[in-house]
Amino acid sequence: MNYHMNKKIGIYPGTFDPITFGHVDIIKRSLRIVDELIISIANNPSKKTLFSIKDRYKMIENELKRIDYNNKIIKIKKVEGLLTKFSKIHKASCIIRGLRAVSDFEYELQMTGMNNQLNPNIETIFLMSYEKNSFISSNFVKEVHLLGGDVSKFVSKFVIKKLNSKNK
């Protein structure tokens, strides 16, 4: 059996604006499922981002330094256009999504249905957030930080430095 022919490639898409400990948890848990994980940074036109793609890439790269890959491969790539096309190009068999609450599920269910219509060969895998991460969102982190709150329980020191540079 050829390992490369049966390699499970997963895509973890998101804006990661900024990357949080919740994202990092999903990345670690994804590595139990796939042989290769592509973290795809989306430039979603419906979301106003604080950080450039380059900054988000650097933050993700920094967080990956603290992860034990267990001989797995992790790549970070910018995704433009449809995720289903991106998945096909990179020969991914699954899209990995983190769920925090019921409200996430409703949106993700619709997205999964649309993705299935566009590419029936891609599966979506939902990973439930652990309770300690269930309320963390990049938007909350940005808002709490902007208002002077302590976000050190939600993001790394590196991300806090990046937030500090934006909120001067």
Protein backbone atom coordinates (compact mmCIF):
# COMPACT_ATOMS: atom_id res chain seq x y z
CA MET A 1 0.00 0.00 0.00
CA ASN A 2 1.40 3.36 -1.01
CA TYR A 3 1.27 5.77 1.94
CA HIS A 4 0.96 8.84 -0.27
CA MET A 5 -2.00 7.37 -2.16
CA ASN A 6 -3.95 6.89 1.08
CA LYS A 7 -2.77 9.95 2.96
CA LYS A 8 -5.67 11.73 4.65
CA ILE A 9 -5.47 15.45 3.98
CA GLY A 10 -7.70 17.78 5.94
CA ILE A 11 -8.34 21.47 5.62
CA TYR A 12 -9.01 23.69 8.62
CA PRO A 13 -10.35 26.95 7.16
CA GLY A 14 -10.85 30.22 9.00
CA THR A 15 -9.97 33.86 9.13
CA PHE A 16 -7.81 33.39 12.28
CA ASP A 17 -8.05 37.12 13.01
CA PRO A 18 -6.30 36.46 15.41
CA ILE A 19 -5.61 32.79 16.14
CA THR A 20 -6.85 31.80 19.61
CA PHE A 21 -6.21 28.90 21.98
CA GLY A 22 -9.55 27.52 20.71
CA HIS A 23 -8.12 27.36 17.18
CA VAL A 24 -4.92 25.75 18.47
CA ASP A 25 -6.97 23.09 20.27
CA ILE A 26 -8.82 22.22 17.05
CA ILE A 27 -5.49 22.03 15.18
CA LYS A 28 -4.05 19.62 17.75
CA ARG A 29 -7.15 17.42 17.71
CA SER A 30 -7.25 17.46 13.89
CA LEU A 31 -3.80 15.89 13.82
CA ARG A 32 -5.33 12.78 15.40
CA ILE A 33 -7.58 12.42 12.35
CA VAL A 34 -5.48 13.44 9.35
CA ASP A 35 -1.94 12.82 8.12
CA GLU A 36 -1.64 16.31 6.68
CA LEU A 37 -3.46 19.42 7.81
CA ILE A 38 -3.74 22.53 5.68
CA ILE A 39 -4.65 25.57 7.70
CA SER A 40 -6.30 27.78 5.12
CA ILE A 41 -6.47 31.47 5.88
CA ALA A 42 -9.57 32.95 4.33
CA ASN A 43 -9.93 36.52 3.22
CA ASN A 44 -13.69 36.60 3.75
CA PRO A 45 -15.13 39.72 2.09
CA SER A 46 -18.07 39.70 4.54
CA LYS A 47 -15.72 40.00 7.55
CA LYS A 48 -13.70 43.08 8.40
CA THR A 49 -10.31 41.82 9.55
CA LEU A 50 -7.89 43.61 11.86
CA PHE A 51 -4.81 41.80 10.58
CA SER A 52 -3.40 41.31 7.10
CA ILE A 53 -3.04 37.79 5.67
CA LYS A 54 0.73 38.12 6.26
CA ASP A 55 0.22 38.95 9.96
CA ARG A 56 -2.27 36.12 10.43
CA TYR A 57 0.16 33.72 8.74
CA LYS A 58 2.93 34.79 11.14
CA MET A 59 0.67 34.36 14.17
CA ILE A 60 -0.37 30.86 13.08
CA GLU A 61 3.24 29.96 12.31
CA ASN A 62 4.25 31.10 15.81
CA GLU A 63 1.53 29.00 17.48
CA LEU A 64 2.58 25.90 15.51
CA LYS A 65 6.05 26.05 17.10
CA ARG A 66 4.49 24.78 20.33
CA ILE A 67 2.61 21.85 18.79
CA ASP A 68 3.86 18.27 18.67
CA TYR A 69 3.15 17.21 15.10
CA ASN A 70 3.71 13.46 15.71
CA ASN A 71 5.24 13.12 12.22
CA LYS A 72 2.23 14.84 10.67
CA ILE A 73 2.48 17.61 8.11
CA ILE A 74 1.00 21.05 8.67
CA LYS A 75 0.87 23.68 5.95
CA ILE A 76 -0.51 27.20 6.06
CA LYS A 77 -2.04 28.52 2.85
CA LYS A 78 -4.16 31.44 1.77
CA VAL A 79 -7.45 30.38 0.23
CA GLU A 80 -9.10 32.52 -2.40
CA GLY A 81 -12.38 31.61 -3.97
CA LEU A 82 -14.39 28.54 -3.14
CA LEU A 83 -13.13 26.23 -0.40
CA THR A 84 -14.39 23.23 -2.38
CA LYS A 85 -12.13 24.12 -5.31
CA PHE A 86 -9.22 24.69 -2.91
CA SER A 87 -9.96 21.26 -1.38
CA LYS A 88 -9.92 19.59 -4.79
CA ILE A 89 -6.64 21.24 -5.79
CA HIS A 90 -4.97 20.05 -2.57
CA LYS A 91 -6.55 16.56 -2.73
CA ALA A 92 -8.19 16.99 0.66
CA SER A 93 -10.72 14.43 1.84
CA CYS A 94 -12.20 16.53 4.64
CA ILE A 95 -12.88 20.01 5.93
CA ILE A 96 -12.50 20.38 9.68
CA ARG A 97 -14.66 22.86 11.54
CA GLY A 98 -14.78 23.74 15.22
CA LEU A 99 -18.16 24.22 16.85
CA ARG A 100 -18.66 26.29 19.99
CA ALA A 101 -22.44 26.58 20.28
CA VAL A 102 -25.76 25.72 18.67
CA SER A 103 -25.64 29.00 16.75
CA ASP A 104 -22.39 27.84 15.10
CA PHE A 105 -24.06 24.57 14.12
CA GLU A 106 -26.88 26.22 12.19
CA TYR A 107 -24.46 28.20 10.03
CA GLU A 108 -22.07 25.27 9.61
CA LEU A 109 -24.90 22.92 8.61
CA GLN A 110 -25.88 25.28 5.79
CA MET A 111 -22.24 25.64 4.72
CA THR A 112 -21.77 21.86 4.75
CA GLY A 113 -24.84 21.39 2.57
CA MET A 114 -23.59 23.95 0.06
CA ASN A 115 -20.08 22.45 0.03
CA ASN A 116 -21.56 19.00 -0.54
CA GLN A 117 -23.49 20.29 -3.55
CA LEU A 118 -20.31 21.84 -4.97
CA ASN A 119 -18.07 18.85 -4.20
CA PRO A 120 -19.76 15.63 -2.99
CA ASN A 121 -16.33 14.01 -2.45
CA ILE A 122 -15.40 16.22 0.49
CA GLU A 123 -16.57 15.40 4.01
CA THR A 124 -16.99 17.94 6.79
CA ILE A 125 -15.87 16.90 10.26
CA PHE A 126 -17.13 18.90 13.23
CA LEU A 127 -15.06 19.03 16.39
CA MET A 128 -16.87 20.36 19.43
CA SER A 129 -14.94 22.89 21.48
CA TYR A 130 -14.05 21.86 24.96
CA GLU A 131 -15.98 23.86 27.56
CA LYS A 132 -12.97 26.06 28.42
CA ASN A 133 -12.82 27.20 24.77
CA SER A 134 -16.52 27.31 23.99
CA PHE A 135 -16.88 31.08 24.39
CA ILE A 136 -13.59 32.16 22.82
CA SER A 137 -13.90 33.91 19.49
CA SER A 138 -11.45 36.10 17.64
CA ASN A 139 -14.02 38.90 17.67
CA PHE A 140 -14.44 38.74 21.46
CA VAL A 141 -10.66 38.69 21.91
CA LYS A 142 -10.27 41.80 19.74
CA GLU A 143 -13.10 43.62 21.51
CA VAL A 144 -11.96 42.76 25.07
CA HIS A 145 -8.38 43.73 24.22
CA LEU A 146 -9.46 47.02 22.65
CA LEU A 147 -11.41 47.86 25.81
CA GLY A 148 -8.36 47.15 27.99
CA GLY A 149 -9.25 43.67 29.21
CA ASP A 150 -6.83 40.80 29.86
CA VAL A 151 -6.93 38.27 26.99
CA SER A 152 -3.95 36.17 28.13
CA LYS A 153 -6.24 33.18 28.85
CA PHE A 154 -7.38 33.16 25.21
CA VAL A 155 -4.32 33.98 23.09
CA SER A 156 -0.54 33.71 23.31
CA LYS A 157 1.85 36.50 24.30
CA PHE A 158 2.89 36.77 20.65
CA VAL A 159 -0.72 37.44 19.60
CA ILE A 160 -1.12 39.96 22.44
CA LYS A 161 1.95 41.83 21.12
CA LYS A 162 0.34 41.92 17.67
CA LEU A 163 -2.93 43.18 19.19
CA ASN A 164 -1.01 45.83 21.14
CA SER A 165 0.60 47.06 17.92
CA LYS A 166 -2.84 47.47 16.31
CA ASN A 167 -4.55 49.10 19.30
CA LYS A 168 -2.12 51.97 19.90
